[in-house]
């Protein structure tokens, strides 16, 4: 099983590529905390990364699952798709992140943490 990595400062593209190759080949799963500005990458399930963030003080309502494709251009490398994103109580009824403002926050955090 690929390790989970809590990213609070930064992670290199090479590290993302290595994590991707360990599990899915071209993609690494991640969960982003949009309030704390951190993310957990790696692992098999978004739920595992979500649990790690919850153990480190995150709130469930701030966590969003994504997939990162490190070899794609930055404008295309984030996929907003995860079972943990289904939250009717927050107005998100699909696996995608439907709120454009939340998407922009996620993109900003991922881009800041992956210089």
PDB file of N, CA and C in Angstrom:
ATOM      1  N   UNK A   1       0.852  -1.190   0.000  1.00  0.00           N
ATOM      2  CA  UNK A   1       0.000   0.000   0.000  1.00  0.00           C
ATOM      3  C   UNK A   1       0.887   1.239   0.000  1.00  0.00           C
ATOM      4  N   UNK A   2       0.566   2.214  -0.856  1.00  0.00           N
ATOM      5  CA  UNK A   2       1.374   3.427  -0.875  1.00  0.00           C
ATOM      6  C   UNK A   2       1.120   4.229   0.393  1.00  0.00           C
ATOM      7  N   UNK A   3       2.186   4.870   0.854  1.00  0.00           N
ATOM      8  CA  UNK A   3       2.075   5.632   2.087  1.00  0.00           C
ATOM      9  C   UNK A   3       1.242   6.903   1.902  1.00  0.00           C
ATOM     10  N   UNK A   4       0.674   7.340   3.001  1.00  0.00           N
ATOM     11  CA  UNK A   4      -0.023   8.621   3.021  1.00  0.00           C
ATOM     12  C   UNK A   4       0.981   9.673   3.464  1.00  0.00           C
ATOM     13  N   UNK A   5       0.946  10.824   2.816  1.00  0.00           N
ATOM     14  CA  UNK A   5       1.870  11.901   3.164  1.00  0.00           C
ATOM     15  C   UNK A   5       1.074  13.161   3.446  1.00  0.00           C
ATOM     16  N   UNK A   6       1.223  13.676   4.660  1.00  0.00           N
ATOM     17  CA  UNK A   6       0.627  14.949   5.029  1.00  0.00           C
ATOM     18  C   UNK A   6       1.502  16.056   4.468  1.00  0.00           C
ATOM     19  N   UNK A   7       0.924  16.919   3.645  1.00  0.00           N
ATOM     20  CA  UNK A   7       1.683  18.002   3.012  1.00  0.00           C
ATOM     21  C   UNK A   7       1.224  19.328   3.628  1.00  0.00           C
ATOM     22  N   UNK A   8       2.106  19.897   4.432  1.00  0.00           N
ATOM     23  CA  UNK A   8       1.816  21.181   5.068  1.00  0.00           C
ATOM     24  C   UNK A   8       2.635  22.308   4.455  1.00  0.00           C
ATOM     25  N   UNK A   9       3.793  21.988   3.909  1.00  0.00           N
ATOM     26  CA  UNK A   9       4.675  23.000   3.315  1.00  0.00           C
ATOM     27  C   UNK A   9       4.724  22.844   1.799  1.00  0.00           C
ATOM     28  N   UNK A  10       5.275  21.712   1.333  1.00  0.00           N
ATOM     29  CA  UNK A  10       5.316  21.478  -0.111  1.00  0.00           C
ATOM     30  C   UNK A  10       5.669  20.026  -0.408  1.00  0.00           C
ATOM     31  N   UNK A  11       5.369  19.630  -1.628  1.00  0.00           N
ATOM     32  CA  UNK A  11       5.738  18.315  -2.136  1.00  0.00           C
ATOM     33  C   UNK A  11       6.154  18.524  -3.590  1.00  0.00           C
ATOM     34  N   UNK A  12       7.218  17.859  -3.991  1.00  0.00           N
ATOM     35  CA  UNK A  12       7.714  18.060  -5.350  1.00  0.00           C
ATOM     36  C   UNK A  12       6.914  17.239  -6.365  1.00  0.00           C
ATOM     37  N   UNK A  13       7.009  17.655  -7.591  1.00  0.00           N
ATOM     38  CA  UNK A  13       6.371  16.911  -8.671  1.00  0.00           C
ATOM     39  C   UNK A  13       6.947  15.500  -8.743  1.00  0.00           C
ATOM     40  N   UNK A  14       8.242  15.366  -8.507  1.00  0.00           N
ATOM     41  CA  UNK A  14       8.874  14.045  -8.516  1.00  0.00           C
ATOM     42  C   UNK A  14       8.288  13.135  -7.444  1.00  0.00           C
ATOM     43  N   UNK A  15       8.028  13.690  -6.249  1.00  0.00           N
ATOM     44  CA  UNK A  15       7.411  12.899  -5.181  1.00  0.00           C
ATOM     45  C   UNK A  15       6.003  12.468  -5.569  1.00  0.00           C
ATOM     46  N   UNK A  16       5.245  13.381  -6.190  1.00  0.00           N
ATOM     47  CA  UNK A  16       3.900  13.032  -6.654  1.00  0.00           C
ATOM     48  C   UNK A  16       3.959  11.928  -7.709  1.00  0.00           C
ATOM     49  N   UNK A  17       4.913  12.048  -8.631  1.00  0.00           N
ATOM     50  CA  UNK A  17       5.068  11.026  -9.662  1.00  0.00           C
ATOM     51  C   UNK A  17       5.383   9.669  -9.045  1.00  0.00           C
ATOM     52  N   UNK A  18       6.252   9.652  -8.046  1.00  0.00           N
ATOM     53  CA  UNK A  18       6.611   8.395  -7.383  1.00  0.00           C
ATOM     54  C   UNK A  18       5.400   7.778  -6.687  1.00  0.00           C
ATOM     55  N   UNK A  19       4.618   8.601  -5.993  1.00  0.00           N
ATOM     56  CA  UNK A  19       3.409   8.098  -5.336  1.00  0.00           C
ATOM     57  C   UNK A  19       2.403   7.572  -6.359  1.00  0.00           C
ATOM     58  N   UNK A  20       2.275   8.284  -7.462  1.00  0.00           N
ATOM     59  CA  UNK A  20       1.347   7.856  -8.516  1.00  0.00           C
ATOM     60  C   UNK A  20       1.764   6.496  -9.066  1.00  0.00           C
ATOM     61  N   UNK A  21       3.038   6.342  -9.360  1.00  0.00           N
ATOM     62  CA  UNK A  21       3.529   5.092  -9.958  1.00  0.00           C
ATOM     63  C   UNK A  21       3.371   3.907  -9.008  1.00  0.00           C
ATOM     64  N   UNK A  22       3.470   4.153  -7.697  1.00  0.00           N
ATOM     65  CA  UNK A  22       3.319   3.077  -6.707  1.00  0.00           C
ATOM     66  C   UNK A  22       1.935   2.451  -6.731  1.00  0.00           C
ATOM     67  N   UNK A  23       0.906   3.241  -7.012  1.00  0.00           N
ATOM     68  CA  UNK A  23      -0.455   2.741  -6.855  1.00  0.00           C
ATOM     69  C   UNK A  23      -1.238   2.705  -8.164  1.00  0.00           C
ATOM     70  N   UNK A  24      -1.400   3.823  -8.820  1.00  0.00           N
ATOM     71  CA  UNK A  24      -2.317   3.911  -9.961  1.00  0.00           C
ATOM     72  C   UNK A  24      -1.620   4.182 -11.290  1.00  0.00           C
ATOM     73  N   UNK A  25      -0.331   4.412 -11.275  1.00  0.00           N
ATOM     74  CA  UNK A  25       0.412   4.625 -12.503  1.00  0.00           C
ATOM     75  C   UNK A  25       0.566   6.087 -12.875  1.00  0.00           C
ATOM     76  N   UNK A  26      -0.551   6.751 -13.131  1.00  0.00           N
ATOM     77  CA  UNK A  26      -0.485   8.144 -13.596  1.00  0.00           C
ATOM     78  C   UNK A  26      -1.202   9.131 -12.686  1.00  0.00           C
ATOM     79  N   UNK A  27      -1.733   8.656 -11.568  1.00  0.00           N
ATOM     80  CA  UNK A  27      -2.583   9.491 -10.721  1.00  0.00           C
ATOM     81  C   UNK A  27      -2.305   9.207  -9.253  1.00  0.00           C
ATOM     82  N   UNK A  28      -2.429  10.258  -8.441  1.00  0.00           N
ATOM     83  CA  UNK A  28      -2.335  10.109  -6.993  1.00  0.00           C
ATOM     84  C   UNK A  28      -3.594  10.718  -6.382  1.00  0.00           C
ATOM     85  N   UNK A  29      -4.155  10.018  -5.418  1.00  0.00           N
ATOM     86  CA  UNK A  29      -5.338  10.534  -4.718  1.00  0.00           C
ATOM     87  C   UNK A  29      -4.890  11.528  -3.652  1.00  0.00           C
ATOM     88  N   UNK A  30      -5.734  12.512  -3.404  1.00  0.00           N
ATOM     89  CA  UNK A  30      -5.427  13.519  -2.385  1.00  0.00           C
ATOM     90  C   UNK A  30      -6.715  14.005  -1.754  1.00  0.00           C
ATOM     91  N   UNK A  31      -6.612  14.468  -0.530  1.00  0.00           N
ATOM     92  CA  UNK A  31      -7.714  15.141   0.151  1.00  0.00           C
ATOM     93  C   UNK A  31      -7.160  16.467   0.650  1.00  0.00           C
ATOM     94  N   UNK A  32      -7.886  17.526   0.328  1.00  0.00           N
ATOM     95  CA  UNK A  32      -7.452  18.890   0.644  1.00  0.00           C
ATOM     96  C   UNK A  32      -8.342  19.472   1.742  1.00  0.00           C
ATOM     97  N   UNK A  33      -7.709  20.078   2.735  1.00  0.00           N
ATOM     98  CA  UNK A  33      -8.424  20.826   3.770  1.00  0.00           C
ATOM     99  C   UNK A  33      -8.411  22.285   3.333  1.00  0.00           C
ATOM    100  N   UNK A  34      -9.559  22.791   2.907  1.00  0.00           N
ATOM    101  CA  UNK A  34      -9.613  24.137   2.343  1.00  0.00           C
ATOM    102  C   UNK A  34      -9.507  25.238   3.399  1.00  0.00           C
ATOM    103  N   UNK A  35      -9.667  24.908   4.669  1.00  0.00           N
ATOM    104  CA  UNK A  35      -9.513  25.907   5.725  1.00  0.00           C
ATOM    105  C   UNK A  35      -8.074  25.969   6.237  1.00  0.00           C
ATOM    106  N   UNK A  36      -7.468  24.829   6.419  1.00  0.00           N
ATOM    107  CA  UNK A  36      -6.099  24.778   6.943  1.00  0.00           C
ATOM    108  C   UNK A  36      -5.055  24.931   5.845  1.00  0.00           C
ATOM    109  N   UNK A  37      -5.445  24.712   4.597  1.00  0.00           N
ATOM    110  CA  UNK A  37      -4.504  24.859   3.490  1.00  0.00           C
ATOM    111  C   UNK A  37      -3.485  23.742   3.405  1.00  0.00           C
ATOM    112  N   UNK A  38      -3.866  22.539   3.825  1.00  0.00           N
ATOM    113  CA  UNK A  38      -2.989  21.375   3.778  1.00  0.00           C
ATOM    114  C   UNK A  38      -3.685  20.262   2.995  1.00  0.00           C
ATOM    115  N   UNK A  39      -2.910  19.211   2.684  1.00  0.00           N
ATOM    116  CA  UNK A  39      -3.518  18.067   2.022  1.00  0.00           C
ATOM    117  C   UNK A  39      -2.760  16.806   2.405  1.00  0.00           C
ATOM    118  N   UNK A  40      -3.432  15.676   2.223  1.00  0.00           N
ATOM    119  CA  UNK A  40      -2.804  14.376   2.357  1.00  0.00           C
ATOM    120  C   UNK A  40      -2.848  13.740   0.982  1.00  0.00           C
ATOM    121  N   UNK A  41      -1.711  13.218   0.535  1.00  0.00           N
ATOM    122  CA  UNK A  41      -1.620  12.563  -0.769  1.00  0.00           C
ATOM    123  C   UNK A  41      -1.194  11.114  -0.570  1.00  0.00           C
ATOM    124  N   UNK A  42      -1.556  10.278  -1.558  1.00  0.00           N
ATOM    125  CA  UNK A  42      -1.166   8.876  -1.537  1.00  0.00           C
ATOM    126  C   UNK A  42      -2.285   7.986  -1.034  1.00  0.00           C
ATOM    127  N   UNK A  43      -1.973   6.719  -0.943  1.00  0.00           N
ATOM    128  CA  UNK A  43      -2.939   5.745  -0.460  1.00  0.00           C
ATOM    129  C   UNK A  43      -3.867   5.243  -1.552  1.00  0.00           C
ATOM    130  N   UNK A  44      -4.680   4.290  -1.164  1.00  0.00           N
ATOM    131  CA  UNK A  44      -5.596   3.654  -2.103  1.00  0.00           C
ATOM    132  C   UNK A  44      -6.957   4.332  -2.153  1.00  0.00           C
ATOM    133  N   UNK A  45      -7.421   4.821  -1.009  1.00  0.00           N
ATOM    134  CA  UNK A  45      -8.754   5.418  -0.923  1.00  0.00           C
ATOM    135  C   UNK A  45      -8.680   6.850  -0.404  1.00  0.00           C
ATOM    136  N   UNK A  46      -9.554   7.696  -0.936  1.00  0.00           N
ATOM    137  CA  UNK A  46      -9.661   9.057  -0.404  1.00  0.00           C
ATOM    138  C   UNK A  46     -10.036   9.013   1.074  1.00  0.00           C
ATOM    139  N   UNK A  47     -10.831   8.027   1.454  1.00  0.00           N
ATOM    140  CA  UNK A  47     -11.273   7.923   2.846  1.00  0.00           C
ATOM    141  C   UNK A  47     -10.091   7.764   3.804  1.00  0.00           C
ATOM    142  N   UNK A  48      -9.016   7.100   3.365  1.00  0.00           N
ATOM    143  CA  UNK A  48      -7.833   6.951   4.214  1.00  0.00           C
ATOM    144  C   UNK A  48      -7.163   8.310   4.454  1.00  0.00           C
ATOM    145  N   UNK A  49      -7.028   9.090   3.383  1.00  0.00           N
ATOM    146  CA  UNK A  49      -6.431  10.425   3.508  1.00  0.00           C
ATOM    147  C   UNK A  49      -7.335  11.334   4.338  1.00  0.00           C
ATOM    148  N   UNK A  50      -8.631  11.209   4.134  1.00  0.00           N
ATOM    149  CA  UNK A  50      -9.598  11.982   4.915  1.00  0.00           C
ATOM    150  C   UNK A  50      -9.437  11.669   6.405  1.00  0.00           C
ATOM    151  N   UNK A  51      -9.326  10.405   6.736  1.00  0.00           N
ATOM    152  CA  UNK A  51      -9.167   9.995   8.137  1.00  0.00           C
ATOM    153  C   UNK A  51      -7.890  10.577   8.732  1.00  0.00           C
ATOM    154  N   UNK A  52      -6.804  10.570   7.969  1.00  0.00           N
ATOM    155  CA  UNK A  52      -5.540  11.126   8.463  1.00  0.00           C
ATOM    156  C   UNK A  52      -5.710  12.608   8.808  1.00  0.00           C
ATOM    157  N   UNK A  53      -6.397  13.353   7.939  1.00  0.00           N
ATOM    158  CA  UNK A  53      -6.608  14.778   8.215  1.00  0.00           C
ATOM    159  C   UNK A  53      -7.515  14.981   9.424  1.00  0.00           C
ATOM    160  N   UNK A  54      -8.539  14.170   9.558  1.00  0.00           N
ATOM    161  CA  UNK A  54      -9.415  14.278  10.728  1.00  0.00           C
ATOM    162  C   UNK A  54      -8.626  14.026  12.015  1.00  0.00           C
ATOM    163  N   UNK A  55      -7.696  13.078  11.965  1.00  0.00           N
ATOM    164  CA  UNK A  55      -6.844  12.789  13.129  1.00  0.00           C
ATOM    165  C   UNK A  55      -5.893  13.941  13.436  1.00  0.00           C
ATOM    166  N   UNK A  56      -5.637  14.788  12.440  1.00  0.00           N
ATOM    167  CA  UNK A  56      -4.735  15.937  12.628  1.00  0.00           C
ATOM    168  C   UNK A  56      -5.502  17.251  12.797  1.00  0.00           C
ATOM    169  N   UNK A  57      -6.769  17.164  13.202  1.00  0.00           N
ATOM    170  CA  UNK A  57      -7.502  18.356  13.587  1.00  0.00           C
ATOM    171  C   UNK A  57      -8.381  19.008  12.535  1.00  0.00           C
ATOM    172  N   UNK A  58      -8.518  18.394  11.374  1.00  0.00           N
ATOM    173  CA  UNK A  58      -9.381  18.971  10.335  1.00  0.00           C
ATOM    174  C   UNK A  58     -10.851  18.721  10.649  1.00  0.00           C
ATOM    175  N   UNK A  59     -11.709  19.540  10.080  1.00  0.00           N
ATOM    176  CA  UNK A  59     -13.153  19.361  10.176  1.00  0.00           C
ATOM    177  C   UNK A  59     -13.666  18.725   8.887  1.00  0.00           C
ATOM    178  N   UNK A  60     -14.575  17.788   9.019  1.00  0.00           N
ATOM    179  CA  UNK A  60     -15.125  17.060   7.873  1.00  0.00           C
ATOM    180  C   UNK A  60     -15.622  17.989   6.769  1.00  0.00           C
ATOM    181  N   UNK A  61     -16.289  19.061   7.136  1.00  0.00           N
ATOM    182  CA  UNK A  61     -16.888  19.951   6.134  1.00  0.00           C
ATOM    183  C   UNK A  61     -15.853  20.685   5.287  1.00  0.00           C
ATOM    184  N   UNK A  62     -14.592  20.672   5.717  1.00  0.00           N
ATOM    185  CA  UNK A  62     -13.525  21.371   5.000  1.00  0.00           C
ATOM    186  C   UNK A  62     -12.727  20.460   4.070  1.00  0.00           C
ATOM    187  N   UNK A  63     -13.038  19.173   4.053  1.00  0.00           N
ATOM    188  CA  UNK A  63     -12.239  18.192   3.326  1.00  0.00           C
ATOM    189  C   UNK A  63     -12.868  17.812   2.000  1.00  0.00           C
ATOM    190  N   UNK A  64     -12.048  17.845   0.946  1.00  0.00           N
ATOM    191  CA  UNK A  64     -12.516  17.534  -0.410  1.00  0.00           C
ATOM    192  C   UNK A  64     -11.530  16.616  -1.113  1.00  0.00           C
ATOM    193  N   UNK A  65     -12.052  15.567  -1.732  1.00  0.00           N
ATOM    194  CA  UNK A  65     -11.218  14.595  -2.413  1.00  0.00           C
ATOM    195  C   UNK A  65     -10.989  14.947  -3.874  1.00  0.00           C
ATOM    196  N   UNK A  66      -9.747  14.766  -4.298  1.00  0.00           N
ATOM    197  CA  UNK A  66      -9.365  15.032  -5.687  1.00  0.00           C
ATOM    198  C   UNK A  66      -8.395  13.954  -6.156  1.00  0.00           C
ATOM    199  N   UNK A  67      -8.128  13.948  -7.431  1.00  0.00           N
ATOM    200  CA  UNK A  67      -7.063  13.143  -8.018  1.00  0.00           C
ATOM    201  C   UNK A  67      -6.115  14.103  -8.722  1.00  0.00           C
ATOM    202  N   UNK A  68      -4.817  13.845  -8.583  1.00  0.00           N
ATOM    203  CA  UNK A  68      -3.806  14.679  -9.233  1.00  0.00           C
ATOM    204  C   UNK A  68      -3.068  13.808 -10.252  1.00  0.00           C
ATOM    205  N   UNK A  69      -2.986  14.316 -11.467  1.00  0.00           N
ATOM    206  CA  UNK A  69      -2.258  13.651 -12.551  1.00  0.00           C
ATOM    207  C   UNK A  69      -0.981  14.453 -12.797  1.00  0.00           C
ATOM    208  N   UNK A  70       0.122  14.090 -12.130  1.00  0.00           N
ATOM    209  CA  UNK A  70       1.333  14.916 -12.159  1.00  0.00           C
ATOM    210  C   UNK A  70       1.950  15.137 -13.537  1.00  0.00           C
ATOM    211  N   UNK A  71       1.685  14.274 -14.485  1.00  0.00           N
ATOM    212  CA  UNK A  71       2.297  14.427 -15.807  1.00  0.00           C
ATOM    213  C   UNK A  71       1.474  15.304 -16.747  1.00  0.00           C
ATOM    214  N   UNK A  72       0.272  15.673 -16.339  1.00  0.00           N
ATOM    215  CA  UNK A  72      -0.551  16.555 -17.171  1.00  0.00           C
ATOM    216  C   UNK A  72      -0.164  18.012 -16.924  1.00  0.00           C
ATOM    217  N   UNK A  73      -0.487  18.892 -17.867  1.00  0.00           N
ATOM    218  CA  UNK A  73      -0.258  20.325 -17.634  1.00  0.00           C
ATOM    219  C   UNK A  73      -1.054  20.786 -16.410  1.00  0.00           C
ATOM    220  N   UNK A  74      -0.521  21.767 -15.695  1.00  0.00           N
ATOM    221  CA  UNK A  74      -1.179  22.242 -14.462  1.00  0.00           C
ATOM    222  C   UNK A  74      -2.648  22.588 -14.641  1.00  0.00           C
ATOM    223  N   UNK A  75      -2.997  23.139 -15.762  1.00  0.00           N
ATOM    224  CA  UNK A  75      -4.393  23.538 -15.984  1.00  0.00           C
ATOM    225  C   UNK A  75      -5.327  22.334 -16.061  1.00  0.00           C
ATOM    226  N   UNK A  76      -4.763  21.137 -16.231  1.00  0.00           N
ATOM    227  CA  UNK A  76      -5.577  19.925 -16.398  1.00  0.00           C
ATOM    228  C   UNK A  76      -5.277  18.847 -15.362  1.00  0.00           C
ATOM    229  N   UNK A  77      -4.400  19.100 -14.413  1.00  0.00           N
ATOM    230  CA  UNK A  77      -3.905  18.000 -13.591  1.00  0.00           C
ATOM    231  C   UNK A  77      -4.765  17.641 -12.395  1.00  0.00           C
ATOM    232  N   UNK A  78      -5.776  18.439 -12.060  1.00  0.00           N
ATOM    233  CA  UNK A  78      -6.653  18.123 -10.934  1.00  0.00           C
ATOM    234  C   UNK A  78      -8.001  17.631 -11.449  1.00  0.00           C
ATOM    235  N   UNK A  79      -8.416  16.484 -10.917  1.00  0.00           N
ATOM    236  CA  UNK A  79      -9.740  15.919 -11.212  1.00  0.00           C
ATOM    237  C   UNK A  79     -10.533  15.951  -9.910  1.00  0.00           C
ATOM    238  N   UNK A  80     -11.686  16.578  -9.944  1.00  0.00           N
ATOM    239  CA  UNK A  80     -12.514  16.739  -8.746  1.00  0.00           C
ATOM    240  C   UNK A  80     -13.493  15.572  -8.655  1.00  0.00           C
ATOM    241  N   UNK A  81     -13.002  14.405  -8.252  1.00  0.00           N
ATOM    242  CA  UNK A  81     -13.840  13.210  -8.240  1.00  0.00           C
ATOM    243  C   UNK A  81     -13.499  12.331  -7.046  1.00  0.00           C
ATOM    244  N   UNK A  82     -14.452  12.194  -6.132  1.00  0.00           N
ATOM    245  CA  UNK A  82     -14.252  11.332  -4.971  1.00  0.00           C
ATOM    246  C   UNK A  82     -15.590  11.047  -4.302  1.00  0.00           C
ATOM    247  N   UNK A  83     -15.708   9.840  -3.791  1.00  0.00           N
ATOM    248  CA  UNK A  83     -16.918   9.480  -3.034  1.00  0.00           C
ATOM    249  C   UNK A  83     -17.092  10.365  -1.799  1.00  0.00           C
ATOM    250  N   UNK A  84     -15.985  10.820  -1.211  1.00  0.00           N
ATOM    251  CA  UNK A  84     -16.127  11.627   0.009  1.00  0.00           C
ATOM    252  C   UNK A  84     -16.743  12.989  -0.269  1.00  0.00           C
ATOM    253  N   UNK A  85     -16.838  13.367  -1.548  1.00  0.00           N
ATOM    254  CA  UNK A  85     -17.421  14.670  -1.897  1.00  0.00           C
ATOM    255  C   UNK A  85     -18.946  14.656  -1.915  1.00  0.00           C
ATOM    256  N   UNK A  86     -19.555  13.499  -1.844  1.00  0.00           N
ATOM    257  CA  UNK A  86     -21.023  13.428  -1.845  1.00  0.00           C
ATOM    258  C   UNK A  86     -21.510  13.889  -0.480  1.00  0.00           C
ATOM    259  N   UNK A  87     -22.068  15.113  -0.456  1.00  0.00           N
ATOM    260  CA  UNK A  87     -22.522  15.728   0.795  1.00  0.00           C
ATOM    261  C   UNK A  87     -23.795  16.521   0.562  1.00  0.00           C
ATOM    262  N   UNK A  88     -24.911  15.877   0.500  1.00  0.00           N
ATOM    263  CA  UNK A  88     -26.160  16.609   0.291  1.00  0.00           C
ATOM    264  C   UNK A  88     -26.384  17.711   1.338  1.00  0.00           C
ATOM    265  N   UNK A  89     -25.927  17.493   2.566  1.00  0.00           N
ATOM    266  CA  UNK A  89     -26.125  18.498   3.619  1.00  0.00           C
ATOM    267  C   UNK A  89     -25.349  19.780   3.340  1.00  0.00           C
ATOM    268  N   UNK A  90     -24.314  19.698   2.489  1.00  0.00           N
ATOM    269  CA  UNK A  90     -23.541  20.877   2.102  1.00  0.00           C
ATOM    270  C   UNK A  90     -23.880  21.305   0.676  1.00  0.00           C
ATOM    271  N   UNK A  91     -24.922  20.721   0.114  1.00  0.00           N
ATOM    272  CA  UNK A  91     -25.337  21.088  -1.230  1.00  0.00           C
ATOM    273  C   UNK A  91     -24.507  20.453  -2.334  1.00  0.00           C
ATOM    274  N   UNK A  92     -23.687  19.468  -2.003  1.00  0.00           N
ATOM    275  CA  UNK A  92     -22.866  18.781  -3.013  1.00  0.00           C
ATOM    276  C   UNK A  92     -23.420  17.368  -3.169  1.00  0.00           C
ATOM    277  N   UNK A  93     -24.146  17.151  -4.245  1.00  0.00           N
ATOM    278  CA  UNK A  93     -24.851  15.888  -4.421  1.00  0.00           C
ATOM    279  C   UNK A  93     -24.167  14.905  -5.352  1.00  0.00           C
ATOM    280  N   UNK A  94     -22.944  15.196  -5.758  1.00  0.00           N
ATOM    281  CA  UNK A  94     -22.236  14.287  -6.667  1.00  0.00           C
ATOM    282  C   UNK A  94     -20.817  14.039  -6.163  1.00  0.00           C
ATOM    283  N   UNK A  95     -20.107  13.180  -6.869  1.00  0.00           N
ATOM    284  CA  UNK A  95     -18.712  12.889  -6.535  1.00  0.00           C
ATOM    285  C   UNK A  95     -17.794  14.056  -6.882  1.00  0.00           C
ATOM    286  N   UNK A  96     -18.261  14.949  -7.709  1.00  0.00           N
ATOM    287  CA  UNK A  96     -17.477  16.114  -8.107  1.00  0.00           C
ATOM    288  C   UNK A  96     -17.590  17.209  -7.044  1.00  0.00           C
ATOM    289  N   UNK A  97     -16.730  18.210  -7.139  1.00  0.00           N
ATOM    290  CA  UNK A  97     -16.859  19.400  -6.294  1.00  0.00           C
ATOM    291  C   UNK A  97     -17.646  20.401  -7.134  1.00  0.00           C
ATOM    292  N   UNK A  98     -18.899  20.607  -6.781  1.00  0.00           N
ATOM    293  CA  UNK A  98     -19.799  21.394  -7.615  1.00  0.00           C
ATOM    294  C   UNK A  98     -19.628  22.906  -7.455  1.00  0.00           C
ATOM    295  N   UNK A  99     -19.210  23.361  -6.284  1.00  0.00           N
ATOM    296  CA  UNK A  99     -19.075  24.795  -6.007  1.00  0.00           C
ATOM    297  C   UNK A  99     -17.785  25.337  -6.623  1.00  0.00           C
ATOM    298  N   UNK A 100     -17.912  26.280  -7.532  1.00  0.00           N
ATOM    299  CA  UNK A 100     -16.746  26.837  -8.232  1.00  0.00           C
ATOM    300  C   UNK A 100     -15.779  27.534  -7.267  1.00  0.00           C
ATOM    301  N   UNK A 101     -16.310  28.168  -6.238  1.00  0.00           N
ATOM    302  CA  UNK A 101     -15.451  28.819  -5.250  1.00  0.00           C
ATOM    303  C   UNK A 101     -14.590  27.819  -4.499  1.00  0.00           C
ATOM    304  N   UNK A 102     -15.158  26.690  -4.126  1.00  0.00           N
ATOM    305  CA  UNK A 102     -14.390  25.640  -3.452  1.00  0.00           C
ATOM    306  C   UNK A 102     -13.359  25.071  -4.411  1.00  0.00           C
ATOM    307  N   UNK A 103     -13.721  24.869  -5.675  1.00  0.00           N
ATOM    308  CA  UNK A 103     -12.757  24.384  -6.670  1.00  0.00           C
ATOM    309  C   UNK A 103     -11.556  25.327  -6.769  1.00  0.00           C
ATOM    310  N   UNK A 104     -11.829  26.623  -6.828  1.00  0.00           N
ATOM    311  CA  UNK A 104     -10.739  27.594  -6.921  1.00  0.00           C
ATOM    312  C   UNK A 104      -9.829  27.531  -5.690  1.00  0.00           C
ATOM    313  N   UNK A 105     -10.425  27.365  -4.515  1.00  0.00           N
ATOM    314  CA  UNK A 105      -9.625  27.251  -3.294  1.00  0.00           C
ATOM    315  C   UNK A 105      -8.743  26.007  -3.332  1.00  0.00           C
ATOM    316  N   UNK A 106      -9.310  24.898  -3.777  1.00  0.00           N
ATOM    317  CA  UNK A 106      -8.542  23.654  -3.887  1.00  0.00           C
ATOM    318  C   UNK A 106      -7.375  23.836  -4.850  1.00  0.00           C
ATOM    319  N   UNK A 107      -7.642  24.408  -6.014  1.00  0.00           N
ATOM    320  CA  UNK A 107      -6.588  24.633  -7.012  1.00  0.00           C
ATOM    321  C   UNK A 107      -5.481  25.506  -6.423  1.00  0.00           C
ATOM    322  N   UNK A 108      -5.858  26.558  -5.727  1.00  0.00           N
ATOM    323  CA  UNK A 108      -4.865  27.444  -5.119  1.00  0.00           C
ATOM    324  C   UNK A 108      -3.996  26.729  -4.102  1.00  0.00           C
ATOM    325  N   UNK A 109      -4.603  25.904  -3.267  1.00  0.00           N
ATOM    326  CA  UNK A 109      -3.855  25.168  -2.246  1.00  0.00           C
ATOM    327  C   UNK A 109      -2.922  24.150  -2.895  1.00  0.00           C
ATOM    328  N   UNK A 110      -3.452  23.381  -3.850  1.00  0.00           N
ATOM    329  CA  UNK A 110      -2.621  22.372  -4.522  1.00  0.00           C
ATOM    330  C   UNK A 110      -1.450  23.037  -5.233  1.00  0.00           C
ATOM    331  N   UNK A 111      -1.706  24.113  -5.931  1.00  0.00           N
ATOM    332  CA  UNK A 111      -0.622  24.795  -6.650  1.00  0.00           C
ATOM    333  C   UNK A 111       0.415  25.410  -5.695  1.00  0.00           C
ATOM    334  N   UNK A 112      -0.032  25.901  -4.556  1.00  0.00           N
ATOM    335  CA  UNK A 112       0.911  26.445  -3.559  1.00  0.00           C
ATOM    336  C   UNK A 112       1.770  25.346  -2.943  1.00  0.00           C
ATOM    337  N   UNK A 113       1.168  24.176  -2.712  1.00  0.00           N
ATOM    338  CA  UNK A 113       1.887  23.080  -2.063  1.00  0.00           C
ATOM    339  C   UNK A 113       2.744  22.264  -3.035  1.00  0.00           C
ATOM    340  N   UNK A 114       2.573  22.512  -4.330  1.00  0.00           N
ATOM    341  CA  UNK A 114       3.338  21.766  -5.351  1.00  0.00           C
ATOM    342  C   UNK A 114       4.040  22.744  -6.286  1.00  0.00           C
ATOM    343  N   UNK A 115       5.047  23.462  -5.760  1.00  0.00           N
ATOM    344  CA  UNK A 115       5.714  24.498  -6.569  1.00  0.00           C
ATOM    345  C   UNK A 115       6.473  23.917  -7.758  1.00  0.00           C
TER     346      UNK A 115
END
